[in-house]
Amino acid sequence: MRVLLRHADAGVRTELGTADEWRGLTELGHAQAEEVASRLRSVSLLRVLSSPSLRCRQTVVPLARKLGVDVEPRRELAIDAGRRGLSWFVGDPETEATVLCTHREALEKLFADLALSGITIPASGPPMEKAAAWLLLGAMDDRRGVRLHYLPAQRPAMLSRP
């Protein structure tokens, strides 16, 4: 089992005067990151892998702290990851029981590759929610048994107050 995770809110790409790789989470994004850690607390996880982008790493820091592990930046999860390389990486036995935090663009490539194998991709609705997750169940080397279960992003508690 793997958890595929889209990073939390980091504002609008064009609004900031910094390199996109260094765009961090907004206040909403930090709240979403805390919510992700709560949402995934019952999932048996051993590792936390992330795109090198700051927003992805910040999204999984609360979860990594709860698990007592480091966030491991991986280029294979970058925004410009190639479809085949990403699919291979996600299917590597080393990513079992792992959260893989990445970008919408990378997830769309991965889902397209999985769909070509006949795997049903649960609808998340456009646009793909920030901080949404998918449980990837089954072995990627035998895609007939692979299933995806969508875990929609939840509204962070801090924003639910009147």
N, C-alpha and C. Protein backbone atom coordinates (compact mmCIF):
# COMPACT_ATOMS: atom_id res chain seq x y z
N MET A 1 0.84 -1.18 0.00
CA MET A 1 0.00 0.00 0.00
C MET A 1 0.88 1.24 0.00
N ARG A 2 0.45 2.21 -0.78
CA ARG A 2 1.12 3.50 -0.85
C ARG A 2 0.07 4.59 -0.75
N VAL A 3 0.47 5.75 -0.27
CA VAL A 3 -0.43 6.90 -0.25
C VAL A 3 0.15 7.93 -1.21
N LEU A 4 -0.63 8.26 -2.23
CA LEU A 4 -0.26 9.32 -3.16
C LEU A 4 -0.93 10.59 -2.67
N LEU A 5 -0.17 11.66 -2.54
CA LEU A 5 -0.67 12.88 -1.93
C LEU A 5 -0.33 14.09 -2.78
N ARG A 6 -1.33 14.90 -3.05
CA ARG A 6 -1.07 16.20 -3.68
C ARG A 6 -0.73 17.19 -2.58
N HIS A 7 0.26 18.04 -2.84
CA HIS A 7 0.66 19.02 -1.84
C HIS A 7 -0.49 19.93 -1.44
N ALA A 8 -0.37 20.55 -0.28
CA ALA A 8 -1.37 21.47 0.25
C ALA A 8 -1.26 22.83 -0.46
N ASP A 9 -2.14 23.74 -0.08
CA ASP A 9 -2.24 25.05 -0.73
C ASP A 9 -0.95 25.86 -0.59
N ALA A 10 -0.49 26.37 -1.72
CA ALA A 10 0.72 27.20 -1.75
C ALA A 10 0.48 28.49 -2.53
N GLY A 11 -0.76 28.91 -2.58
CA GLY A 11 -1.07 30.14 -3.30
C GLY A 11 -1.04 29.95 -4.80
N VAL A 12 -1.03 31.06 -5.50
CA VAL A 12 -1.03 31.03 -6.96
C VAL A 12 0.39 31.19 -7.46
N ARG A 13 0.77 30.33 -8.37
CA ARG A 13 2.13 30.28 -8.89
C ARG A 13 2.65 31.62 -9.37
N THR A 14 1.85 32.39 -10.05
CA THR A 14 2.33 33.64 -10.66
C THR A 14 2.36 34.82 -9.71
N GLU A 15 1.76 34.68 -8.52
CA GLU A 15 1.69 35.81 -7.60
C GLU A 15 2.98 36.06 -6.83
N LEU A 16 3.82 35.08 -6.73
CA LEU A 16 5.01 35.22 -5.90
C LEU A 16 6.22 35.56 -6.75
N GLY A 17 7.14 36.30 -6.17
CA GLY A 17 8.33 36.68 -6.90
C GLY A 17 9.49 35.73 -6.68
N THR A 18 9.21 34.52 -6.23
CA THR A 18 10.26 33.56 -5.93
C THR A 18 10.20 32.40 -6.92
N ALA A 19 11.28 31.65 -7.00
CA ALA A 19 11.30 30.47 -7.86
C ALA A 19 10.22 29.50 -7.40
N ASP A 20 9.56 28.85 -8.35
CA ASP A 20 8.45 27.97 -8.03
C ASP A 20 8.86 26.85 -7.06
N GLU A 21 10.07 26.35 -7.16
CA GLU A 21 10.55 25.29 -6.26
C GLU A 21 10.56 25.75 -4.80
N TRP A 22 10.65 27.06 -4.58
CA TRP A 22 10.74 27.59 -3.21
C TRP A 22 9.43 28.19 -2.72
N ARG A 23 8.35 27.96 -3.48
CA ARG A 23 7.04 28.47 -3.05
C ARG A 23 6.54 27.61 -1.89
N GLY A 24 6.36 28.24 -0.73
CA GLY A 24 5.93 27.53 0.46
C GLY A 24 4.43 27.55 0.64
N LEU A 25 3.97 26.87 1.67
CA LEU A 25 2.55 26.78 1.95
C LEU A 25 2.00 28.10 2.49
N THR A 26 0.75 28.34 2.20
CA THR A 26 0.01 29.47 2.76
C THR A 26 -0.48 29.06 4.16
N GLU A 27 -1.15 29.98 4.84
CA GLU A 27 -1.74 29.64 6.14
C GLU A 27 -2.72 28.48 5.99
N LEU A 28 -3.53 28.53 4.94
CA LEU A 28 -4.45 27.42 4.64
C LEU A 28 -3.67 26.14 4.41
N GLY A 29 -2.58 26.22 3.65
CA GLY A 29 -1.77 25.05 3.36
C GLY A 29 -1.19 24.41 4.61
N HIS A 30 -0.73 25.22 5.55
CA HIS A 30 -0.20 24.67 6.80
C HIS A 30 -1.30 23.96 7.59
N ALA A 31 -2.50 24.53 7.58
CA ALA A 31 -3.63 23.88 8.25
C ALA A 31 -3.98 22.57 7.54
N GLN A 32 -3.93 22.57 6.21
CA GLN A 32 -4.18 21.34 5.46
C GLN A 32 -3.13 20.27 5.78
N ALA A 33 -1.88 20.68 5.93
CA ALA A 33 -0.81 19.74 6.25
C ALA A 33 -1.07 19.07 7.59
N GLU A 34 -1.54 19.84 8.56
CA GLU A 34 -1.89 19.26 9.87
C GLU A 34 -3.06 18.29 9.73
N GLU A 35 -4.02 18.66 8.89
CA GLU A 35 -5.18 17.79 8.66
C GLU A 35 -4.76 16.50 7.98
N VAL A 36 -3.82 16.57 7.03
CA VAL A 36 -3.31 15.37 6.36
C VAL A 36 -2.74 14.41 7.39
N ALA A 37 -1.95 14.93 8.32
CA ALA A 37 -1.35 14.09 9.36
C ALA A 37 -2.43 13.41 10.19
N SER A 38 -3.50 14.11 10.49
CA SER A 38 -4.61 13.52 11.24
C SER A 38 -5.35 12.49 10.41
N ARG A 39 -5.60 12.80 9.15
CA ARG A 39 -6.35 11.90 8.26
C ARG A 39 -5.62 10.59 8.04
N LEU A 40 -4.30 10.64 7.98
CA LEU A 40 -3.51 9.44 7.68
C LEU A 40 -2.97 8.74 8.92
N ARG A 41 -3.38 9.19 10.10
CA ARG A 41 -2.82 8.63 11.34
C ARG A 41 -3.09 7.14 11.50
N SER A 42 -4.18 6.63 10.93
CA SER A 42 -4.51 5.21 11.09
C SER A 42 -3.92 4.32 9.98
N VAL A 43 -3.26 4.93 9.01
CA VAL A 43 -2.65 4.17 7.93
C VAL A 43 -1.26 3.72 8.37
N SER A 44 -0.93 2.47 8.13
CA SER A 44 0.37 1.93 8.53
C SER A 44 1.43 2.39 7.54
N LEU A 45 2.26 3.35 7.97
CA LEU A 45 3.26 3.95 7.10
C LEU A 45 4.65 3.86 7.73
N LEU A 46 5.65 3.65 6.87
CA LEU A 46 7.03 3.55 7.34
C LEU A 46 7.91 4.70 6.87
N ARG A 47 7.56 5.30 5.72
CA ARG A 47 8.40 6.34 5.14
C ARG A 47 7.55 7.47 4.61
N VAL A 48 8.19 8.64 4.46
CA VAL A 48 7.57 9.81 3.86
C VAL A 48 8.51 10.33 2.79
N LEU A 49 8.09 10.22 1.53
CA LEU A 49 8.87 10.70 0.40
C LEU A 49 8.16 11.91 -0.19
N SER A 50 8.94 12.85 -0.71
CA SER A 50 8.36 14.09 -1.19
C SER A 50 9.13 14.61 -2.40
N SER A 51 8.41 15.31 -3.26
CA SER A 51 9.06 16.12 -4.27
C SER A 51 10.01 17.07 -3.55
N PRO A 52 11.11 17.46 -4.18
CA PRO A 52 12.03 18.42 -3.54
C PRO A 52 11.41 19.81 -3.32
N SER A 53 10.29 20.12 -3.97
CA SER A 53 9.67 21.44 -3.83
C SER A 53 9.30 21.71 -2.38
N LEU A 54 9.52 22.93 -1.95
CA LEU A 54 9.26 23.32 -0.57
C LEU A 54 7.82 23.02 -0.16
N ARG A 55 6.85 23.34 -1.03
CA ARG A 55 5.45 23.14 -0.68
C ARG A 55 5.12 21.67 -0.42
N CYS A 56 5.75 20.76 -1.16
CA CYS A 56 5.52 19.33 -0.93
C CYS A 56 6.16 18.90 0.39
N ARG A 57 7.38 19.32 0.61
CA ARG A 57 8.06 18.94 1.86
C ARG A 57 7.30 19.47 3.07
N GLN A 58 6.83 20.73 3.00
CA GLN A 58 6.09 21.30 4.12
C GLN A 58 4.76 20.57 4.34
N THR A 59 4.16 20.06 3.29
CA THR A 59 2.89 19.35 3.41
C THR A 59 3.03 18.10 4.27
N VAL A 60 4.16 17.42 4.19
CA VAL A 60 4.30 16.14 4.90
C VAL A 60 5.10 16.22 6.20
N VAL A 61 5.61 17.40 6.55
CA VAL A 61 6.36 17.52 7.81
C VAL A 61 5.53 17.12 9.03
N PRO A 62 4.28 17.59 9.18
CA PRO A 62 3.52 17.17 10.37
C PRO A 62 3.33 15.65 10.44
N LEU A 63 3.09 15.02 9.31
CA LEU A 63 2.93 13.57 9.27
C LEU A 63 4.24 12.88 9.64
N ALA A 64 5.34 13.34 9.07
CA ALA A 64 6.65 12.74 9.38
C ALA A 64 6.96 12.85 10.87
N ARG A 65 6.63 13.98 11.46
CA ARG A 65 6.85 14.16 12.90
C ARG A 65 6.04 13.14 13.70
N LYS A 66 4.78 12.94 13.33
CA LYS A 66 3.94 11.97 14.04
C LYS A 66 4.47 10.56 13.88
N LEU A 67 5.05 10.27 12.73
CA LEU A 67 5.59 8.93 12.48
C LEU A 67 7.00 8.76 13.05
N GLY A 68 7.66 9.87 13.37
CA GLY A 68 9.03 9.81 13.87
C GLY A 68 10.04 9.47 12.79
N VAL A 69 9.78 9.94 11.56
CA VAL A 69 10.68 9.69 10.43
C VAL A 69 11.04 11.01 9.77
N ASP A 70 12.06 10.98 8.92
CA ASP A 70 12.45 12.16 8.14
C ASP A 70 11.65 12.23 6.85
N VAL A 71 11.49 13.44 6.33
CA VAL A 71 10.96 13.62 4.99
C VAL A 71 12.13 13.41 4.03
N GLU A 72 11.96 12.50 3.08
CA GLU A 72 13.01 12.19 2.12
C GLU A 72 12.68 12.83 0.77
N PRO A 73 13.38 13.92 0.39
CA PRO A 73 13.13 14.53 -0.92
C PRO A 73 13.58 13.58 -2.04
N ARG A 74 12.72 13.42 -3.03
CA ARG A 74 13.03 12.54 -4.15
C ARG A 74 12.71 13.24 -5.47
N ARG A 75 13.70 13.33 -6.32
CA ARG A 75 13.55 13.98 -7.62
C ARG A 75 12.48 13.27 -8.48
N GLU A 76 12.31 11.98 -8.26
CA GLU A 76 11.33 11.20 -9.02
C GLU A 76 9.90 11.71 -8.83
N LEU A 77 9.67 12.51 -7.78
CA LEU A 77 8.34 13.05 -7.50
C LEU A 77 8.20 14.53 -7.87
N ALA A 78 9.19 15.06 -8.56
CA ALA A 78 9.19 16.48 -8.94
C ALA A 78 8.05 16.79 -9.92
N ILE A 79 7.76 18.05 -10.05
CA ILE A 79 6.66 18.50 -10.91
C ILE A 79 6.88 18.07 -12.36
N ASP A 80 8.13 17.96 -12.79
CA ASP A 80 8.44 17.60 -14.17
C ASP A 80 8.81 16.12 -14.33
N ALA A 81 8.40 15.29 -13.38
CA ALA A 81 8.70 13.85 -13.45
C ALA A 81 8.12 13.26 -14.73
N GLY A 82 8.86 12.37 -15.35
CA GLY A 82 8.38 11.67 -16.53
C GLY A 82 7.39 10.58 -16.14
N ARG A 83 6.43 10.32 -17.00
CA ARG A 83 5.38 9.35 -16.69
C ARG A 83 5.93 7.95 -16.40
N ARG A 84 6.79 7.45 -17.24
CA ARG A 84 7.31 6.09 -17.05
C ARG A 84 8.20 5.99 -15.81
N GLY A 85 9.07 6.98 -15.61
CA GLY A 85 9.94 6.97 -14.45
C GLY A 85 9.14 7.06 -13.16
N LEU A 86 8.10 7.87 -13.17
CA LEU A 86 7.25 8.03 -12.00
C LEU A 86 6.52 6.72 -11.69
N SER A 87 5.98 6.08 -12.71
CA SER A 87 5.29 4.80 -12.51
C SER A 87 6.25 3.74 -11.98
N TRP A 88 7.46 3.71 -12.53
CA TRP A 88 8.45 2.74 -12.04
C TRP A 88 8.78 3.01 -10.58
N PHE A 89 8.99 4.28 -10.25
CA PHE A 89 9.36 4.65 -8.89
C PHE A 89 8.25 4.28 -7.90
N VAL A 90 7.02 4.62 -8.24
CA VAL A 90 5.89 4.31 -7.36
C VAL A 90 5.75 2.80 -7.17
N GLY A 91 6.06 2.04 -8.21
CA GLY A 91 5.95 0.59 -8.14
C GLY A 91 7.12 -0.11 -7.49
N ASP A 92 8.19 0.60 -7.23
CA ASP A 92 9.37 0.00 -6.61
C ASP A 92 9.00 -0.53 -5.22
N PRO A 93 9.41 -1.76 -4.90
CA PRO A 93 9.11 -2.31 -3.57
C PRO A 93 9.58 -1.41 -2.42
N GLU A 94 10.58 -0.57 -2.65
CA GLU A 94 11.07 0.33 -1.61
C GLU A 94 10.04 1.39 -1.21
N THR A 95 9.02 1.61 -2.06
CA THR A 95 8.01 2.61 -1.74
C THR A 95 6.78 2.01 -1.06
N GLU A 96 6.84 0.74 -0.72
CA GLU A 96 5.73 0.10 0.01
C GLU A 96 5.58 0.76 1.38
N ALA A 97 4.34 0.94 1.84
CA ALA A 97 4.02 1.55 3.14
C ALA A 97 4.60 2.96 3.25
N THR A 98 4.45 3.71 2.17
CA THR A 98 5.06 5.04 2.06
C THR A 98 4.05 6.07 1.60
N VAL A 99 4.20 7.29 2.08
CA VAL A 99 3.49 8.44 1.54
C VAL A 99 4.39 9.05 0.48
N LEU A 100 3.81 9.36 -0.68
CA LEU A 100 4.55 9.99 -1.77
C LEU A 100 3.85 11.30 -2.09
N CYS A 101 4.44 12.42 -1.68
CA CYS A 101 3.83 13.73 -1.89
C CYS A 101 4.39 14.36 -3.15
N THR A 102 3.49 14.78 -4.03
CA THR A 102 3.90 15.31 -5.32
C THR A 102 2.93 16.39 -5.79
N HIS A 103 2.93 16.63 -7.07
CA HIS A 103 2.19 17.73 -7.70
C HIS A 103 1.05 17.19 -8.55
N ARG A 104 0.09 18.05 -8.83
CA ARG A 104 -1.03 17.69 -9.71
C ARG A 104 -0.52 17.15 -11.03
N GLU A 105 0.45 17.83 -11.61
CA GLU A 105 0.96 17.42 -12.93
C GLU A 105 1.53 16.00 -12.89
N ALA A 106 2.27 15.68 -11.84
CA ALA A 106 2.85 14.34 -11.73
C ALA A 106 1.76 13.30 -11.48
N LEU A 107 0.80 13.63 -10.63
CA LEU A 107 -0.29 12.69 -10.37
C LEU A 107 -1.10 12.43 -11.64
N GLU A 108 -1.35 13.47 -12.42
CA GLU A 108 -2.09 13.28 -13.67
C GLU A 108 -1.35 12.33 -14.61
N LYS A 109 -0.03 12.45 -14.68
CA LYS A 109 0.77 11.54 -15.52
C LYS A 109 0.68 10.11 -15.00
N LEU A 110 0.82 9.95 -13.70
CA LEU A 110 0.74 8.62 -13.10
C LEU A 110 -0.64 8.00 -13.33
N PHE A 111 -1.69 8.77 -13.11
CA PHE A 111 -3.04 8.25 -13.30
C PHE A 111 -3.29 7.89 -14.76
N ALA A 112 -2.75 8.67 -15.69
CA ALA A 112 -2.89 8.34 -17.12
C ALA A 112 -2.22 7.00 -17.41
N ASP A 113 -1.04 6.79 -16.84
CA ASP A 113 -0.34 5.53 -17.04
C ASP A 113 -1.12 4.36 -16.44
N LEU A 114 -1.66 4.55 -15.25
CA LEU A 114 -2.46 3.49 -14.62
C LEU A 114 -3.72 3.21 -15.42
N ALA A 115 -4.36 4.25 -15.94
CA ALA A 115 -5.58 4.08 -16.74
C ALA A 115 -5.30 3.26 -18.00
N LEU A 116 -4.11 3.44 -18.58
CA LEU A 116 -3.73 2.65 -19.77
C LEU A 116 -3.67 1.16 -19.45
N SER A 117 -3.45 0.83 -18.19
CA SER A 117 -3.41 -0.56 -17.75
C SER A 117 -4.79 -1.07 -17.35
N GLY A 118 -5.82 -0.23 -17.52
CA GLY A 118 -7.18 -0.64 -17.19
C GLY A 118 -7.58 -0.40 -15.75
N ILE A 119 -6.77 0.34 -15.01
CA ILE A 119 -7.07 0.63 -13.61
C ILE A 119 -8.03 1.81 -13.55
N THR A 120 -9.09 1.65 -12.78
CA THR A 120 -10.07 2.71 -12.62
C THR A 120 -9.51 3.79 -11.70
N ILE A 121 -9.57 5.02 -12.16
CA ILE A 121 -9.08 6.15 -11.38
C ILE A 121 -10.29 6.84 -10.75
N PRO A 122 -10.38 6.83 -9.42
CA PRO A 122 -11.52 7.49 -8.77
C PRO A 122 -11.53 8.98 -9.08
N ALA A 123 -12.69 9.49 -9.38
CA ALA A 123 -12.82 10.90 -9.71
C ALA A 123 -12.56 11.76 -8.49
N SER A 124 -11.74 12.77 -8.68
CA SER A 124 -11.51 13.75 -7.63
C SER A 124 -12.11 15.08 -8.03
N GLY A 125 -12.61 15.13 -9.25
CA GLY A 125 -13.24 16.34 -9.74
C GLY A 125 -12.24 17.41 -10.08
N PRO A 126 -12.45 18.07 -11.21
CA PRO A 126 -11.54 19.18 -11.53
C PRO A 126 -11.93 20.40 -10.71
N PRO A 127 -11.01 21.18 -10.25
CA PRO A 127 -9.58 20.87 -10.26
C PRO A 127 -9.25 19.87 -9.16
N MET A 128 -8.15 19.17 -9.34
CA MET A 128 -7.71 18.19 -8.35
C MET A 128 -7.47 18.93 -7.03
N GLU A 129 -8.13 18.46 -5.97
CA GLU A 129 -8.02 19.12 -4.66
C GLU A 129 -6.60 19.12 -4.12
N LYS A 130 -6.21 20.24 -3.56
CA LYS A 130 -4.94 20.30 -2.85
C LYS A 130 -5.10 19.54 -1.54
N ALA A 131 -4.09 18.78 -1.17
CA ALA A 131 -4.06 17.94 0.03
C ALA A 131 -4.95 16.70 -0.09
N ALA A 132 -5.41 16.38 -1.30
CA ALA A 132 -6.15 15.14 -1.51
C ALA A 132 -5.17 13.98 -1.56
N ALA A 133 -5.67 12.79 -1.25
CA ALA A 133 -4.81 11.60 -1.23
C ALA A 133 -5.52 10.43 -1.88
N TRP A 134 -4.74 9.49 -2.35
CA TRP A 134 -5.24 8.26 -2.93
C TRP A 134 -4.46 7.11 -2.32
N LEU A 135 -5.17 6.11 -1.81
CA LEU A 135 -4.51 4.88 -1.37
C LEU A 135 -4.32 4.01 -2.60
N LEU A 136 -3.10 3.62 -2.85
CA LEU A 136 -2.76 2.74 -3.96
C LEU A 136 -2.55 1.35 -3.36
N LEU A 137 -3.47 0.46 -3.65
CA LEU A 137 -3.46 -0.89 -3.08
C LEU A 137 -3.08 -1.90 -4.16
N GLY A 138 -2.27 -2.87 -3.81
CA GLY A 138 -1.87 -3.90 -4.75
C GLY A 138 -0.46 -3.66 -5.27
N ALA A 139 0.06 -4.68 -5.94
CA ALA A 139 1.43 -4.64 -6.47
C ALA A 139 1.44 -4.04 -7.86
N MET A 140 2.28 -3.06 -8.06
CA MET A 140 2.35 -2.38 -9.36
C MET A 140 2.88 -3.30 -10.46
N ASP A 141 3.65 -4.34 -10.10
CA ASP A 141 4.18 -5.24 -11.13
C ASP A 141 3.08 -6.15 -11.68
N ASP A 142 1.97 -6.30 -10.97
CA ASP A 142 0.82 -7.05 -11.45
C ASP A 142 -0.38 -6.11 -11.38
N ARG A 143 -0.50 -5.26 -12.35
CA ARG A 143 -1.48 -4.18 -12.29
C ARG A 143 -2.93 -4.66 -12.27
N ARG A 144 -3.15 -5.93 -12.55
CA ARG A 144 -4.53 -6.42 -12.52
C ARG A 144 -5.12 -6.29 -11.12
N GLY A 145 -4.29 -6.37 -10.11
CA GLY A 145 -4.78 -6.30 -8.74
C GLY A 145 -4.69 -4.92 -8.11
N VAL A 146 -4.26 -3.92 -8.87
CA VAL A 146 -4.09 -2.57 -8.32
C VAL A 146 -5.44 -1.86 -8.24
N ARG A 147 -5.65 -1.21 -7.09
CA ARG A 147 -6.86 -0.41 -6.89
C ARG A 147 -6.46 0.93 -6.28
N LEU A 148 -7.22 1.94 -6.61
CA LEU A 148 -7.03 3.26 -6.01
C LEU A 148 -8.27 3.61 -5.21
N HIS A 149 -8.06 4.13 -4.02
CA HIS A 149 -9.17 4.59 -3.17
C HIS A 149 -8.92 6.07 -2.87
N TYR A 150 -9.88 6.91 -3.21
CA TYR A 150 -9.75 8.35 -3.04
C TYR A 150 -10.06 8.78 -1.61
N LEU A 151 -9.17 9.58 -1.03
CA LEU A 151 -9.36 10.17 0.30
C LEU A 151 -9.43 11.69 0.12
N PRO A 152 -10.61 12.24 -0.01
CA PRO A 152 -10.71 13.68 -0.29
C PRO A 152 -10.11 14.52 0.84
N ALA A 153 -9.63 15.69 0.46
CA ALA A 153 -9.12 16.64 1.45
C ALA A 153 -10.27 17.06 2.35
N GLN A 154 -9.95 17.28 3.60
CA GLN A 154 -10.95 17.72 4.57
C GLN A 154 -10.71 19.19 4.89
N ARG A 155 -11.76 19.86 5.25
CA ARG A 155 -11.63 21.26 5.63
C ARG A 155 -10.91 21.33 6.98
N PRO A 156 -9.78 22.04 7.04
CA PRO A 156 -9.06 22.15 8.32
C PRO A 156 -9.93 22.78 9.40
N ALA A 157 -9.79 22.28 10.62
CA ALA A 157 -10.61 22.75 11.75
C ALA A 157 -10.51 24.25 11.96
N MET A 158 -9.32 24.82 11.77
CA MET A 158 -9.16 26.26 12.01
C MET A 158 -10.03 27.10 11.11
N LEU A 159 -10.43 26.56 9.96
CA LEU A 159 -11.27 27.33 9.03
C LEU A 159 -12.74 27.06 9.23
N SER A 160 -13.08 26.09 10.06
CA SER A 160 -14.48 25.75 10.31
C SER A 160 -15.12 26.64 11.35
N ARG A 161 -14.31 27.40 12.06
CA ARG A 161 -14.87 28.29 13.08
C ARG A 161 -15.64 29.44 12.44
N PRO A 162 -16.73 29.87 13.09
CA PRO A 162 -17.51 30.99 12.54
C PRO A 162 -16.76 32.29 12.58
